[in-house]
């Protein structure tokens, strides 16, 4: 599982708190902290990977597929008696 950039969570929590009506300005700071905690706990429950991890695994899969195609071609060539 990956961790998220804390700045993104802070920014989202800040925007959620900013959407609170003007009459509840005193609650805004508490709400921002609550939103932040809620976002962090919910995101932590998700089984996510970072983009970098995804790209690495995609490259590994691509190389594996290329090797498999090469091995299948070589096996086919051996089976047909071509070398």
C-alpha atoms as a PDB file:
ATOM      1  CA  UNK A   1       0.000   0.000   0.000  1.00  0.00           C
ATOM      2  CA  UNK A   2       1.157   3.498  -0.632  1.00  0.00           C
ATOM      3  CA  UNK A   3       1.128   6.667   1.333  1.00  0.00           C
ATOM      4  CA  UNK A   4      -0.379   9.839  -0.014  1.00  0.00           C
ATOM      5  CA  UNK A   5       1.241  13.208  -0.267  1.00  0.00           C
ATOM      6  CA  UNK A   6       0.185  14.904   2.980  1.00  0.00           C
ATOM      7  CA  UNK A   7      -0.062  18.221   1.143  1.00  0.00           C
ATOM      8  CA  UNK A   8      -2.864  16.825  -1.033  1.00  0.00           C
ATOM      9  CA  UNK A   9      -4.795  15.630   2.006  1.00  0.00           C
ATOM     10  CA  UNK A  10      -4.208  18.958   3.780  1.00  0.00           C
ATOM     11  CA  UNK A  11      -5.406  20.862   0.720  1.00  0.00           C
ATOM     12  CA  UNK A  12      -8.540  18.741   0.357  1.00  0.00           C
ATOM     13  CA  UNK A  13      -9.338  19.045   4.070  1.00  0.00           C
ATOM     14  CA  UNK A  14      -8.803  22.818   3.862  1.00  0.00           C
ATOM     15  CA  UNK A  15     -11.156  23.070   0.869  1.00  0.00           C
ATOM     16  CA  UNK A  16     -13.807  20.991   2.616  1.00  0.00           C
ATOM     17  CA  UNK A  17     -13.562  23.192   5.712  1.00  0.00           C
ATOM     18  CA  UNK A  18     -13.725  26.319   3.537  1.00  0.00           C
ATOM     19  CA  UNK A  19     -17.072  25.131   2.198  1.00  0.00           C
ATOM     20  CA  UNK A  20     -18.559  25.460   5.704  1.00  0.00           C
ATOM     21  CA  UNK A  21     -21.065  28.336   5.928  1.00  0.00           C
ATOM     22  CA  UNK A  22     -19.771  31.654   7.231  1.00  0.00           C
ATOM     23  CA  UNK A  23     -21.760  31.303  10.485  1.00  0.00           C
ATOM     24  CA  UNK A  24     -19.679  28.281  11.452  1.00  0.00           C
ATOM     25  CA  UNK A  25     -16.252  29.898  11.098  1.00  0.00           C
ATOM     26  CA  UNK A  26     -15.372  29.005  14.684  1.00  0.00           C
ATOM     27  CA  UNK A  27     -15.795  25.351  13.793  1.00  0.00           C
ATOM     28  CA  UNK A  28     -13.756  25.569  10.609  1.00  0.00           C
ATOM     29  CA  UNK A  29     -10.405  24.655  12.213  1.00  0.00           C
ATOM     30  CA  UNK A  30     -11.883  21.678  14.048  1.00  0.00           C
ATOM     31  CA  UNK A  31     -13.687  20.561  10.920  1.00  0.00           C
ATOM     32  CA  UNK A  32     -10.504  20.842   8.894  1.00  0.00           C
ATOM     33  CA  UNK A  33      -8.699  18.557  11.353  1.00  0.00           C
ATOM     34  CA  UNK A  34     -11.635  16.128  11.390  1.00  0.00           C
ATOM     35  CA  UNK A  35     -11.797  16.091   7.593  1.00  0.00           C
ATOM     36  CA  UNK A  36      -8.064  15.490   7.443  1.00  0.00           C
ATOM     37  CA  UNK A  37      -8.260  12.572   9.874  1.00  0.00           C
ATOM     38  CA  UNK A  38     -11.234  11.078   8.082  1.00  0.00           C
ATOM     39  CA  UNK A  39      -9.564  11.370   4.679  1.00  0.00           C
ATOM     40  CA  UNK A  40      -6.350   9.795   5.954  1.00  0.00           C
ATOM     41  CA  UNK A  41      -8.141   6.880   7.594  1.00  0.00           C
ATOM     42  CA  UNK A  42     -10.351   6.188   4.575  1.00  0.00           C
ATOM     43  CA  UNK A  43      -7.498   6.430   2.079  1.00  0.00           C
ATOM     44  CA  UNK A  44      -5.374   4.137   4.251  1.00  0.00           C
ATOM     45  CA  UNK A  45      -8.074   1.480   4.002  1.00  0.00           C
ATOM     46  CA  UNK A  46      -7.825   1.420   0.222  1.00  0.00           C
ATOM     47  CA  UNK A  47      -5.403  -0.996  -1.379  1.00  0.00           C
ATOM     48  CA  UNK A  48      -3.704   1.498  -3.691  1.00  0.00           C
ATOM     49  CA  UNK A  49      -0.265   1.865  -5.184  1.00  0.00           C
ATOM     50  CA  UNK A  50       1.582   4.971  -6.259  1.00  0.00           C
ATOM     51  CA  UNK A  51       1.828   5.863  -9.926  1.00  0.00           C
ATOM     52  CA  UNK A  52       5.553   5.083  -9.764  1.00  0.00           C
ATOM     53  CA  UNK A  53       4.884   1.586  -8.397  1.00  0.00           C
ATOM     54  CA  UNK A  54       2.240   1.017 -11.067  1.00  0.00           C
ATOM     55  CA  UNK A  55       4.597   2.118 -13.845  1.00  0.00           C
ATOM     56  CA  UNK A  56       7.358  -0.190 -12.553  1.00  0.00           C
ATOM     57  CA  UNK A  57       4.998  -3.168 -12.501  1.00  0.00           C
ATOM     58  CA  UNK A  58       3.656  -2.297 -15.966  1.00  0.00           C
ATOM     59  CA  UNK A  59       7.248  -2.284 -17.299  1.00  0.00           C
ATOM     60  CA  UNK A  60       7.952  -5.645 -15.648  1.00  0.00           C
ATOM     61  CA  UNK A  61       4.798  -7.080 -17.192  1.00  0.00           C
ATOM     62  CA  UNK A  62       5.755  -5.728 -20.619  1.00  0.00           C
ATOM     63  CA  UNK A  63       9.222  -7.323 -20.410  1.00  0.00           C
ATOM     64  CA  UNK A  64       7.682 -10.600 -19.230  1.00  0.00           C
ATOM     65  CA  UNK A  65       5.253 -10.619 -22.168  1.00  0.00           C
ATOM     66  CA  UNK A  66       8.103  -9.920 -24.590  1.00  0.00           C
ATOM     67  CA  UNK A  67      10.156 -12.782 -23.124  1.00  0.00           C
ATOM     68  CA  UNK A  68       7.151 -15.102 -23.279  1.00  0.00           C
ATOM     69  CA  UNK A  69       6.535 -14.226 -26.932  1.00  0.00           C
ATOM     70  CA  UNK A  70      10.221 -14.858 -27.688  1.00  0.00           C
ATOM     71  CA  UNK A  71      10.176 -18.214 -25.870  1.00  0.00           C
ATOM     72  CA  UNK A  72       6.978 -19.256 -27.640  1.00  0.00           C
ATOM     73  CA  UNK A  73       8.570 -18.381 -30.972  1.00  0.00           C
ATOM     74  CA  UNK A  74      11.731 -20.333 -30.133  1.00  0.00           C
ATOM     75  CA  UNK A  75       9.702 -23.329 -28.929  1.00  0.00           C
ATOM     76  CA  UNK A  76       7.605 -23.271 -32.081  1.00  0.00           C
ATOM     77  CA  UNK A  77      10.788 -23.119 -34.139  1.00  0.00           C
ATOM     78  CA  UNK A  78      12.298 -26.077 -32.237  1.00  0.00           C
ATOM     79  CA  UNK A  79       9.113 -28.109 -32.590  1.00  0.00           C
ATOM     80  CA  UNK A  80       9.044 -27.574 -36.341  1.00  0.00           C
ATOM     81  CA  UNK A  81      12.688 -28.580 -36.637  1.00  0.00           C
ATOM     82  CA  UNK A  82      13.949 -25.127 -37.606  1.00  0.00           C
ATOM     83  CA  UNK A  83      16.953 -23.827 -35.693  1.00  0.00           C
END
